[in-house]
C-alpha atoms as a PDB file:
ATOM      1  CA  MET A   1     -61.857 124.672  56.533  1.00  0.00           C
ATOM      2  CA  LYS A   2     -58.390 125.354  58.442  1.00  0.00           C
ATOM      3  CA  GLN A   3     -57.185 128.731  57.587  1.00  0.00           C
ATOM      4  CA  ARG A   4     -53.781 128.872  56.004  1.00  0.00           C
ATOM      5  CA  SER A   5     -51.119 130.576  58.240  1.00  0.00           C
ATOM      6  CA  TRP A   6     -49.347 133.635  56.525  1.00  0.00           C
ATOM      7  CA  SER A   7     -45.732 131.811  56.689  1.00  0.00           C
ATOM      8  CA  ASP A   8     -47.584 128.658  54.468  1.00  0.00           C
ATOM      9  CA  VAL A   9     -48.782 131.574  52.140  1.00  0.00           C
ATOM     10  CA  VAL A  10     -45.248 133.087  51.785  1.00  0.00           C
ATOM     11  CA  LEU A  11     -43.575 129.793  51.495  1.00  0.00           C
ATOM     12  CA  SER A  12     -46.040 128.712  48.740  1.00  0.00           C
ATOM     13  CA  VAL A  13     -45.483 131.869  46.748  1.00  0.00           C
ATOM     14  CA  TRP A  14     -41.827 131.410  47.153  1.00  0.00           C
ATOM     15  CA  GLY A  15     -41.710 128.072  45.957  1.00  0.00           C
ATOM     16  CA  VAL A  16     -43.935 128.970  42.979  1.00  0.00           C
ATOM     17  CA  LEU A  17     -41.308 131.898  42.163  1.00  0.00           C
ATOM     18  CA  VAL A  18     -38.109 129.496  42.293  1.00  0.00           C
ATOM     19  CA  PHE A  19     -39.932 127.158  39.803  1.00  0.00           C
ATOM     20  CA  VAL A  20     -40.600 129.943  37.466  1.00  0.00           C
ATOM     21  CA  PHE A  21     -37.289 131.189  37.750  1.00  0.00           C
ATOM     22  CA  LEU A  22     -35.664 127.946  37.162  1.00  0.00           C
ATOM     23  CA  PHE A  23     -37.999 126.735  34.435  1.00  0.00           C
ATOM     24  CA  ALA A  24     -38.807 130.212  32.483  1.00  0.00           C
ATOM     25  CA  PRO A  25     -35.522 130.056  30.405  1.00  0.00           C
ATOM     26  CA  ILE A  26     -36.071 126.662  29.485  1.00  0.00           C
ATOM     27  CA  LEU A  27     -40.019 127.550  28.099  1.00  0.00           C
ATOM     28  CA  VAL A  28     -38.364 130.505  26.039  1.00  0.00           C
ATOM     29  CA  ILE A  29     -35.999 128.224  24.391  1.00  0.00           C
ATOM     30  CA  ILE A  30     -38.961 125.757  23.432  1.00  0.00           C
ATOM     31  CA  VAL A  31     -41.033 128.720  22.163  1.00  0.00           C
ATOM     32  CA  SER A  32     -38.336 130.516  20.365  1.00  0.00           C
ATOM     33  CA  SER A  33     -37.434 127.198  18.416  1.00  0.00           C
ATOM     34  CA  PHE A  34     -40.630 127.305  16.545  1.00  0.00           C
ATOM     35  CA  ASN A  35     -39.671 131.124  15.541  1.00  0.00           C
ATOM     36  CA  VAL A  36     -38.901 131.268  11.574  1.00  0.00           C
ATOM     37  CA  GLY A  37     -36.979 134.653  11.959  1.00  0.00           C
ATOM     38  CA  ARG A  38     -33.315 135.314  11.258  1.00  0.00           C
ATOM     39  CA  LEU A  39     -32.191 135.749  14.743  1.00  0.00           C
ATOM     40  CA  LEU A  40     -33.179 133.992  17.865  1.00  0.00           C
ATOM     41  CA  VAL A  41     -34.109 137.210  19.728  1.00  0.00           C
ATOM     42  CA  SER A  42     -36.290 138.732  17.145  1.00  0.00           C
ATOM     43  CA  TRP A  43     -39.729 136.946  16.761  1.00  0.00           C
ATOM     44  CA  GLN A  44     -40.989 137.094  13.166  1.00  0.00           C
ATOM     45  CA  SER A  45     -43.724 134.485  13.019  1.00  0.00           C
ATOM     46  CA  PHE A  46     -44.412 130.679  14.068  1.00  0.00           C
ATOM     47  CA  GLY A  47     -43.526 128.057  12.153  1.00  0.00           C
ATOM     48  CA  PHE A  48     -41.263 124.816  11.994  1.00  0.00           C
ATOM     49  CA  ASP A  49     -38.509 125.675   9.680  1.00  0.00           C
ATOM     50  CA  SER A  50     -35.835 126.057  12.453  1.00  0.00           C
ATOM     51  CA  PHE A  51     -36.350 122.131  13.038  1.00  0.00           C
ATOM     52  CA  LEU A  52     -35.710 121.308   9.382  1.00  0.00           C
ATOM     53  CA  ALA A  53     -32.095 123.061   9.851  1.00  0.00           C
ATOM     54  CA  LEU A  54     -30.878 119.546  11.484  1.00  0.00           C
ATOM     55  CA  PHE A  55     -31.310 117.891   8.134  1.00  0.00           C
ATOM     56  CA  GLU A  56     -30.644 120.632   5.765  1.00  0.00           C
ATOM     57  CA  LYS A  57     -27.467 122.418   7.070  1.00  0.00           C
ATOM     58  CA  PRO A  58     -24.298 120.221   7.375  1.00  0.00           C
ATOM     59  CA  ALA A  59     -22.697 122.046  10.184  1.00  0.00           C
ATOM     60  CA  ILE A  60     -25.464 121.535  12.593  1.00  0.00           C
ATOM     61  CA  ARG A  61     -25.979 117.875  11.659  1.00  0.00           C
ATOM     62  CA  ASP A  62     -22.646 116.688  11.984  1.00  0.00           C
ATOM     63  CA  ALA A  63     -22.326 118.761  15.002  1.00  0.00           C
ATOM     64  CA  VAL A  64     -25.218 116.603  16.511  1.00  0.00           C
ATOM     65  CA  TRP A  65     -24.369 113.574  15.232  1.00  0.00           C
ATOM     66  CA  ILE A  66     -20.782 113.815  16.768  1.00  0.00           C
ATOM     67  CA  SER A  67     -22.376 114.720  20.228  1.00  0.00           C
ATOM     68  CA  VAL A  68     -24.651 111.691  19.738  1.00  0.00           C
ATOM     69  CA  GLN A  69     -21.988 109.114  18.840  1.00  0.00           C
ATOM     70  CA  THR A  70     -19.608 110.524  21.562  1.00  0.00           C
ATOM     71  CA  GLY A  71     -22.230 110.359  24.222  1.00  0.00           C
ATOM     72  CA  PHE A  72     -23.001 106.737  23.216  1.00  0.00           C
ATOM     73  CA  ILE A  73     -19.395 105.473  23.402  1.00  0.00           C
ATOM     74  CA  ALA A  74     -18.541 107.485  26.136  1.00  0.00           C
ATOM     75  CA  ALA A  75     -21.893 105.957  27.742  1.00  0.00           C
ATOM     76  CA  ILE A  76     -20.730 102.374  27.158  1.00  0.00           C
ATOM     77  CA  VAL A  77     -17.145 102.946  28.356  1.00  0.00           C
ATOM     78  CA  ALA A  78     -18.569 104.367  31.942  1.00  0.00           C
ATOM     79  CA  THR A  79     -20.877 101.835  32.087  1.00  0.00           C
ATOM     80  CA  LEU A  80     -18.412  99.111  31.762  1.00  0.00           C
ATOM     81  CA  LEU A  81     -15.498 100.759  34.176  1.00  0.00           C
ATOM     82  CA  GLY A  82     -18.439 102.012  36.749  1.00  0.00           C
ATOM     83  CA  THR A  83     -20.075  98.586  36.990  1.00  0.00           C
ATOM     84  CA  LEU A  84     -17.098  96.625  37.566  1.00  0.00           C
ATOM     85  CA  ALA A  85     -15.949  99.277  40.071  1.00  0.00           C
ATOM     86  CA  GLY A  86     -19.387  99.640  41.869  1.00  0.00           C
ATOM     87  CA  ILE A  87     -19.844  95.712  42.256  1.00  0.00           C
ATOM     88  CA  ALA A  88     -16.211  95.500  43.596  1.00  0.00           C
ATOM     89  CA  MET A  89     -17.026  98.004  46.221  1.00  0.00           C
ATOM     90  CA  ALA A  90     -20.301  96.608  47.236  1.00  0.00           C
ATOM     91  CA  ARG A  91     -19.311  93.064  47.414  1.00  0.00           C
ATOM     92  CA  HIS A  92     -15.512  93.377  48.762  1.00  0.00           C
ATOM     93  CA  PRO A  93     -15.696  95.903  51.292  1.00  0.00           C
ATOM     94  CA  GLY A  94     -12.732  97.347  53.261  1.00  0.00           C
ATOM     95  CA  LYS A  95     -10.895 100.113  54.048  1.00  0.00           C
ATOM     96  CA  TRP A  96      -9.783 100.409  50.307  1.00  0.00           C
ATOM     97  CA  VAL A  97     -13.242 101.031  49.577  1.00  0.00           C
ATOM     98  CA  TRP A  98     -13.701 104.391  51.290  1.00  0.00           C
ATOM     99  CA  TRP A  99     -10.197 105.551  49.564  1.00  0.00           C
ATOM    100  CA  PHE A 100     -11.749 104.467  46.292  1.00  0.00           C
ATOM    101  CA  LEU A 101     -14.747 106.365  47.122  1.00  0.00           C
ATOM    102  CA  GLY A 102     -12.547 109.197  48.128  1.00  0.00           C
ATOM    103  CA  LEU A 103     -10.840 109.307  44.708  1.00  0.00           C
ATOM    104  CA  LEU A 104     -14.397 109.010  43.020  1.00  0.00           C
ATOM    105  CA  LEU A 105     -15.603 112.266  44.952  1.00  0.00           C
ATOM    106  CA  LEU A 106     -12.507 114.052  44.027  1.00  0.00           C
ATOM    107  CA  VAL A 107     -13.219 113.426  40.390  1.00  0.00           C
ATOM    108  CA  SER A 108     -16.562 114.247  40.674  1.00  0.00           C
ATOM    109  CA  VAL A 109     -16.242 117.674  42.535  1.00  0.00           C
ATOM    110  CA  THR A 110     -13.200 118.734  40.371  1.00  0.00           C
ATOM    111  CA  PRO A 111     -14.246 121.629  38.105  1.00  0.00           C
ATOM    112  CA  GLU A 112     -14.245 120.592  34.856  1.00  0.00           C
ATOM    113  CA  ILE A 113     -11.901 123.478  33.686  1.00  0.00           C
ATOM    114  CA  VAL A 114      -9.272 121.863  35.739  1.00  0.00           C
ATOM    115  CA  ASP A 115      -9.760 118.442  33.883  1.00  0.00           C
ATOM    116  CA  ALA A 116      -9.890 120.196  30.684  1.00  0.00           C
ATOM    117  CA  VAL A 117      -6.426 122.056  31.486  1.00  0.00           C
ATOM    118  CA  ALA A 118      -4.670 118.885  32.280  1.00  0.00           C
ATOM    119  CA  LEU A 119      -6.248 116.555  29.563  1.00  0.00           C
ATOM    120  CA  LEU A 120      -5.199 118.959  27.080  1.00  0.00           C
ATOM    121  CA  PRO A 121      -1.364 118.612  27.487  1.00  0.00           C
ATOM    122  CA  TRP A 122      -1.609 115.298  28.217  1.00  0.00           C
ATOM    123  CA  MET A 123      -3.285 114.125  25.030  1.00  0.00           C
ATOM    124  CA  VAL A 124      -1.030 116.189  23.044  1.00  0.00           C
ATOM    125  CA  PHE A 125       1.871 114.627  24.736  1.00  0.00           C
ATOM    126  CA  LEU A 126       0.643 111.257  23.971  1.00  0.00           C
ATOM    127  CA  GLY A 127      -0.461 111.467  20.624  1.00  0.00           C
ATOM    128  CA  GLN A 128       2.154 114.013  19.101  1.00  0.00           C
ATOM    129  CA  ASP A 129       5.192 113.428  21.256  1.00  0.00           C
ATOM    130  CA  LEU A 130       4.704 109.654  21.817  1.00  0.00           C
ATOM    131  CA  GLY A 131       3.283 109.197  18.237  1.00  0.00           C
ATOM    132  CA  ILE A 132       0.248 107.288  19.750  1.00  0.00           C
ATOM    133  CA  GLY A 133      -2.213 107.926  16.796  1.00  0.00           C
ATOM    134  CA  LEU A 134      -5.213 107.141  18.949  1.00  0.00           C
ATOM    135  CA  PHE A 135      -4.913 110.217  20.710  1.00  0.00           C
ATOM    136  CA  ASN A 136      -4.859 112.205  17.853  1.00  0.00           C
ATOM    137  CA  ASP A 137      -8.406 111.238  17.030  1.00  0.00           C
ATOM    138  CA  GLY A 138     -11.079 113.543  17.656  1.00  0.00           C
ATOM    139  CA  ILE A 139     -13.827 111.035  18.900  1.00  0.00           C
ATOM    140  CA  ILE A 140     -11.209 109.347  21.120  1.00  0.00           C
ATOM    141  CA  ARG A 141     -10.623 112.327  22.886  1.00  0.00           C
ATOM    142  CA  LEU A 142     -14.114 113.396  23.457  1.00  0.00           C
ATOM    143  CA  VAL A 143     -14.921 110.124  24.811  1.00  0.00           C
ATOM    144  CA  ILE A 144     -12.085 110.082  27.132  1.00  0.00           C
ATOM    145  CA  GLY A 145     -13.039 113.665  28.351  1.00  0.00           C
ATOM    146  CA  HIS A 146     -16.500 112.551  28.926  1.00  0.00           C
ATOM    147  CA  SER A 147     -15.908 109.621  30.594  1.00  0.00           C
ATOM    148  CA  LEU A 148     -14.170 110.782  33.535  1.00  0.00           C
ATOM    149  CA  PHE A 149     -17.219 112.159  35.267  1.00  0.00           C
ATOM    150  CA  SER A 150     -19.590 109.251  34.352  1.00  0.00           C
ATOM    151  CA  VAL A 151     -17.645 106.388  35.579  1.00  0.00           C
ATOM    152  CA  ALA A 152     -17.844 107.946  38.996  1.00  0.00           C
ATOM    153  CA  VAL A 153     -21.539 108.481  38.292  1.00  0.00           C
ATOM    154  CA  VAL A 154     -22.011 104.918  37.359  1.00  0.00           C
ATOM    155  CA  SER A 155     -19.786 103.433  40.281  1.00  0.00           C
ATOM    156  CA  TYR A 156     -21.985 105.332  42.790  1.00  0.00           C
ATOM    157  CA  LEU A 157     -25.278 104.090  41.315  1.00  0.00           C
ATOM    158  CA  VAL A 158     -23.992 100.517  40.887  1.00  0.00           C
ATOM    159  CA  ARG A 159     -22.816 100.318  44.716  1.00  0.00           C
ATOM    160  CA  ALA A 160     -25.872 102.006  46.112  1.00  0.00           C
ATOM    161  CA  ARG A 161     -27.601  99.428  44.073  1.00  0.00           C
ATOM    162  CA  LEU A 162     -26.315  96.364  45.433  1.00  0.00           C
ATOM    163  CA  VAL A 163     -25.424  97.744  49.082  1.00  0.00           C
ATOM    164  CA  GLY A 164     -28.842  97.679  49.810  1.00  0.00           C
ATOM    165  CA  GLN A 165     -29.169  93.803  48.677  1.00  0.00           C
ATOM    166  CA  GLU A 166     -27.446  91.487  50.718  1.00  0.00           C
ATOM    167  CA  GLY A 167     -25.187  88.754  49.211  1.00  0.00           C
ATOM    168  CA  GLN A 168     -27.019  85.356  49.986  1.00  0.00           C
ATOM    169  CA  LEU A 169     -28.107  84.926  46.317  1.00  0.00           C
ATOM    170  CA  GLU A 170     -24.116  84.878  45.286  1.00  0.00           C
ATOM    171  CA  GLU A 171     -23.538  82.678  48.437  1.00  0.00           C
ATOM    172  CA  ALA A 172     -26.082  80.305  47.442  1.00  0.00           C
ATOM    173  CA  SER A 173     -24.911  80.081  43.768  1.00  0.00           C
ATOM    174  CA  ALA A 174     -21.621  79.353  45.072  1.00  0.00           C
ATOM    175  CA  ASP A 175     -22.437  76.501  47.289  1.00  0.00           C
ATOM    176  CA  LEU A 176     -24.463  74.886  44.455  1.00  0.00           C
ATOM    177  CA  TYR A 177     -20.844  74.696  42.917  1.00  0.00           C
ATOM    178  CA  ALA A 178     -21.390  77.479  40.464  1.00  0.00           C
ATOM    179  CA  LYS A 179     -18.178  78.975  39.240  1.00  0.00           C
ATOM    180  CA  PRO A 180     -17.674  82.931  39.584  1.00  0.00           C
ATOM    181  CA  PRO A 181     -18.116  83.549  36.216  1.00  0.00           C
ATOM    182  CA  ALA A 182     -21.547  81.990  36.163  1.00  0.00           C
ATOM    183  CA  THR A 183     -22.382  83.708  39.367  1.00  0.00           C
ATOM    184  CA  PHE A 184     -21.452  86.911  38.263  1.00  0.00           C
ATOM    185  CA  ARG A 185     -23.590  86.675  34.814  1.00  0.00           C
ATOM    186  CA  ARG A 186     -26.645  85.255  36.328  1.00  0.00           C
ATOM    187  CA  VAL A 187     -27.069  86.465  39.793  1.00  0.00           C
ATOM    188  CA  THR A 188     -24.933  89.636  40.298  1.00  0.00           C
ATOM    189  CA  LEU A 189     -25.396  91.393  37.050  1.00  0.00           C
ATOM    190  CA  PRO A 190     -29.392  90.709  36.935  1.00  0.00           C
ATOM    191  CA  LEU A 191     -29.203  92.324  40.731  1.00  0.00           C
ATOM    192  CA  ALA A 192     -27.288  95.419  39.312  1.00  0.00           C
ATOM    193  CA  MET A 193     -28.933  96.004  36.192  1.00  0.00           C
ATOM    194  CA  PRO A 194     -31.503  98.431  36.744  1.00  0.00           C
ATOM    195  CA  ALA A 195     -28.485 100.578  38.018  1.00  0.00           C
ATOM    196  CA  VAL A 196     -26.128  99.707  35.142  1.00  0.00           C
ATOM    197  CA  LEU A 197     -29.166 101.094  32.707  1.00  0.00           C
ATOM    198  CA  ALA A 198     -29.595 103.844  34.904  1.00  0.00           C
ATOM    199  CA  GLY A 199     -25.978 104.810  34.864  1.00  0.00           C
ATOM    200  CA  PHE A 200     -25.876 104.246  30.907  1.00  0.00           C
ATOM    201  CA  LEU A 201     -28.798 106.753  30.018  1.00  0.00           C
ATOM    202  CA  LEU A 202     -27.099 109.366  32.824  1.00  0.00           C
ATOM    203  CA  SER A 203     -23.773 108.953  31.317  1.00  0.00           C
ATOM    204  CA  PHE A 204     -25.359 109.678  27.976  1.00  0.00           C
ATOM    205  CA  THR A 205     -27.277 112.999  28.892  1.00  0.00           C
ATOM    206  CA  LEU A 206     -24.285 113.813  30.871  1.00  0.00           C
ATOM    207  CA  SER A 207     -22.208 113.682  27.806  1.00  0.00           C
ATOM    208  CA  LEU A 208     -24.555 115.770  25.594  1.00  0.00           C
ATOM    209  CA  ASP A 209     -24.153 118.594  28.052  1.00  0.00           C
ATOM    210  CA  ASN A 210     -20.261 118.555  28.318  1.00  0.00           C
ATOM    211  CA  THR A 211     -19.102 121.880  26.972  1.00  0.00           C
ATOM    212  CA  VAL A 212     -15.820 122.901  28.767  1.00  0.00           C
ATOM    213  CA  ILE A 213     -14.027 119.605  28.306  1.00  0.00           C
ATOM    214  CA  ALA A 214     -15.137 119.167  24.827  1.00  0.00           C
ATOM    215  CA  ALA A 215     -13.841 122.828  24.105  1.00  0.00           C
ATOM    216  CA  PHE A 216     -10.424 121.933  24.761  1.00  0.00           C
ATOM    217  CA  VAL A 217      -9.880 118.535  23.521  1.00  0.00           C
ATOM    218  CA  GLN A 218     -11.803 118.859  20.228  1.00  0.00           C
ATOM    219  CA  VAL A 219      -9.888 118.728  16.730  1.00  0.00           C
ATOM    220  CA  SER A 220     -10.823 120.074  13.655  1.00  0.00           C
ATOM    221  CA  GLY A 221     -13.739 118.016  12.198  1.00  0.00           C
ATOM    222  CA  THR A 222     -15.461 116.741  15.493  1.00  0.00           C
ATOM    223  CA  THR A 223     -16.927 119.857  17.079  1.00  0.00           C
ATOM    224  CA  PRO A 224     -19.376 118.467  19.310  1.00  0.00           C
ATOM    225  CA  TRP A 225     -22.945 120.446  19.412  1.00  0.00           C
ATOM    226  CA  PRO A 226     -22.383 122.207  22.757  1.00  0.00           C
ATOM    227  CA  VAL A 227     -18.838 123.785  21.295  1.00  0.00           C
ATOM    228  CA  TYR A 228     -20.860 124.887  18.273  1.00  0.00           C
ATOM    229  CA  VAL A 229     -23.565 126.574  20.202  1.00  0.00           C
ATOM    230  CA  LEU A 230     -20.806 128.278  21.771  1.00  0.00           C
ATOM    231  CA  SER A 231     -19.221 129.562  18.968  1.00  0.00           C
ATOM    232  CA  ALA A 232     -22.381 130.488  17.527  1.00  0.00           C
ATOM    233  CA  LEU A 233     -22.597 133.542  20.238  1.00  0.00           C
ATOM    234  CA  ARG A 234     -20.230 135.632  18.114  1.00  0.00           C
ATOM    235  CA  SER A 235     -22.665 135.976  15.169  1.00  0.00           C
ATOM    236  CA  GLY A 236     -25.900 135.677  17.089  1.00  0.00           C
ATOM    237  CA  LEU A 237     -28.102 132.527  18.043  1.00  0.00           C
ATOM    238  CA  ARG A 238     -30.309 131.306  15.217  1.00  0.00           C
ATOM    239  CA  PRO A 239     -33.656 129.783  15.838  1.00  0.00           C
ATOM    240  CA  GLU A 240     -32.357 126.474  14.692  1.00  0.00           C
ATOM    241  CA  ILE A 241     -30.086 126.528  17.774  1.00  0.00           C
ATOM    242  CA  ALA A 242     -33.240 126.430  19.892  1.00  0.00           C
ATOM    243  CA  ALA A 243     -34.910 123.904  17.868  1.00  0.00           C
ATOM    244  CA  VAL A 244     -32.177 121.709  18.182  1.00  0.00           C
ATOM    245  CA  SER A 245     -31.701 122.251  21.986  1.00  0.00           C
ATOM    246  CA  THR A 246     -35.460 121.330  22.288  1.00  0.00           C
ATOM    247  CA  ILE A 247     -35.281 118.129  20.663  1.00  0.00           C
ATOM    248  CA  MET A 248     -32.217 117.431  23.032  1.00  0.00           C
ATOM    249  CA  LEU A 249     -33.894 118.623  25.768  1.00  0.00           C
ATOM    250  CA  VAL A 250     -36.799 115.801  25.308  1.00  0.00           C
ATOM    251  CA  LEU A 251     -34.317 113.051  24.400  1.00  0.00           C
ATOM    252  CA  THR A 252     -32.835 114.151  27.632  1.00  0.00           C
ATOM    253  CA  LEU A 253     -36.387 113.850  29.557  1.00  0.00           C
ATOM    254  CA  LEU A 254     -37.396 110.321  27.862  1.00  0.00           C
ATOM    255  CA  ALA A 255     -33.860 109.189  29.047  1.00  0.00           C
ATOM    256  CA  LEU A 256     -34.222 110.001  32.654  1.00  0.00           C
ATOM    257  CA  GLY A 257     -38.035 109.035  32.376  1.00  0.00           C
ATOM    258  CA  LEU A 258     -36.614 105.574  31.167  1.00  0.00           C
ATOM    259  CA  VAL A 259     -34.229 105.545  33.981  1.00  0.00           C
ATOM    260  CA  ALA A 260     -36.936 106.113  36.797  1.00  0.00           C
ATOM    261  CA  TYR A 261     -39.410 103.320  34.676  1.00  0.00           C
ATOM    262  CA  VAL A 262     -36.648 100.791  34.681  1.00  0.00           C
ATOM    263  CA  LEU A 263     -36.110 101.168  38.514  1.00  0.00           C
ATOM    264  CA  ARG A 264     -39.798 101.027  38.904  1.00  0.00           C
ATOM    265  CA  ARG A 265     -39.956  97.765  36.973  1.00  0.00           C
ATOM    266  CA  ALA A 266     -37.313  96.560  39.230  1.00  0.00           C
ATOM    267  CA  GLY A 267     -39.585  97.012  42.677  1.00  0.00           C
ATOM    268  CA  ASP A 268     -38.174 100.203  43.668  1.00  0.00           C
ATOM    269  CA  SER A 269     -40.073 102.692  45.561  1.00  0.00           C
ATOM    270  CA  ALA A 270     -39.795 106.263  44.787  1.00  0.00           C
ATOM    271  CA  ALA A 271     -37.421 106.639  47.729  1.00  0.00           C
ATOM    272  CA  ASP A 272     -35.296 104.071  46.513  1.00  0.00           C
ATOM    273  CA  ILE A 273     -35.270 105.455  43.167  1.00  0.00           C
ATOM    274  CA  ALA A 274     -34.321 108.710  44.404  1.00  0.00           C
ATOM    275  CA  ARG A 275     -31.434 107.163  46.486  1.00  0.00           C
ATOM    276  CA  THR A 276     -30.055 104.964  43.830  1.00  0.00           C
ATOM    277  CA  MET A 277     -29.975 108.044  41.204  1.00  0.00           C
ATOM    278  CA  GLY A 278     -28.405 109.978  43.878  1.00  0.00           C
ATOM    279  CA  GLY A 279     -25.699 107.345  44.328  1.00  0.00           C
ATOM    280  CA  GLY A 280     -26.762 107.189  48.022  1.00  0.00           C
END
């Protein structure tokens, strides 16, 4: 048996330490969610009482429902806009694509605090100064804020999916006198569907995690779960917060697993899945 070099041992130990550093806080939250004590940092005994708070406490239930509702609507909006943008970039290449990709990259790298500070006065201007009541609705404001980054994500995914597949099928459909809407519905969209579904699920999970923009644009009565947790820091974190966070973590992992499953069923290899989810 070949003896491992000291550098291999050091790198292996270092890799294990990095994984422990990254995932230990998550494990702590999961374990703390079964605490029946009053505060998160004070362990009392093991139980499932904190999970029942999702059904027994209206404030927690409403915050989670607003986050789920906002995430679902924002994912639909981002998927519609991002799918059309991705298909356009993949099937109609040109110099404009690189300019458009640059704009999407700008949206992706702009700090959330900058987006939040820009969105708040803009929505106040539209809702109050111009009297457009739509922008006074808390859910609408959250959906707009959460959709900004997600549109770019979906655009990357759909473009990456279609760029790797040549357009002979669309050309063959046109040669058979199929109209453009029929070609889009029966050929282009099925080709892009794995990336569309992946983009939808990723947009949903990204919306659940959005805190900065949500804290700025929310209105009274539409407080999402991340903002509720942030406000709970003043009085001390309770085990029910860890319990709901654990549930949302499980939902996020299920969504990501479903993304990988959909792409795998579409015939993608592990490298293709990584490339598609990375937008490359």
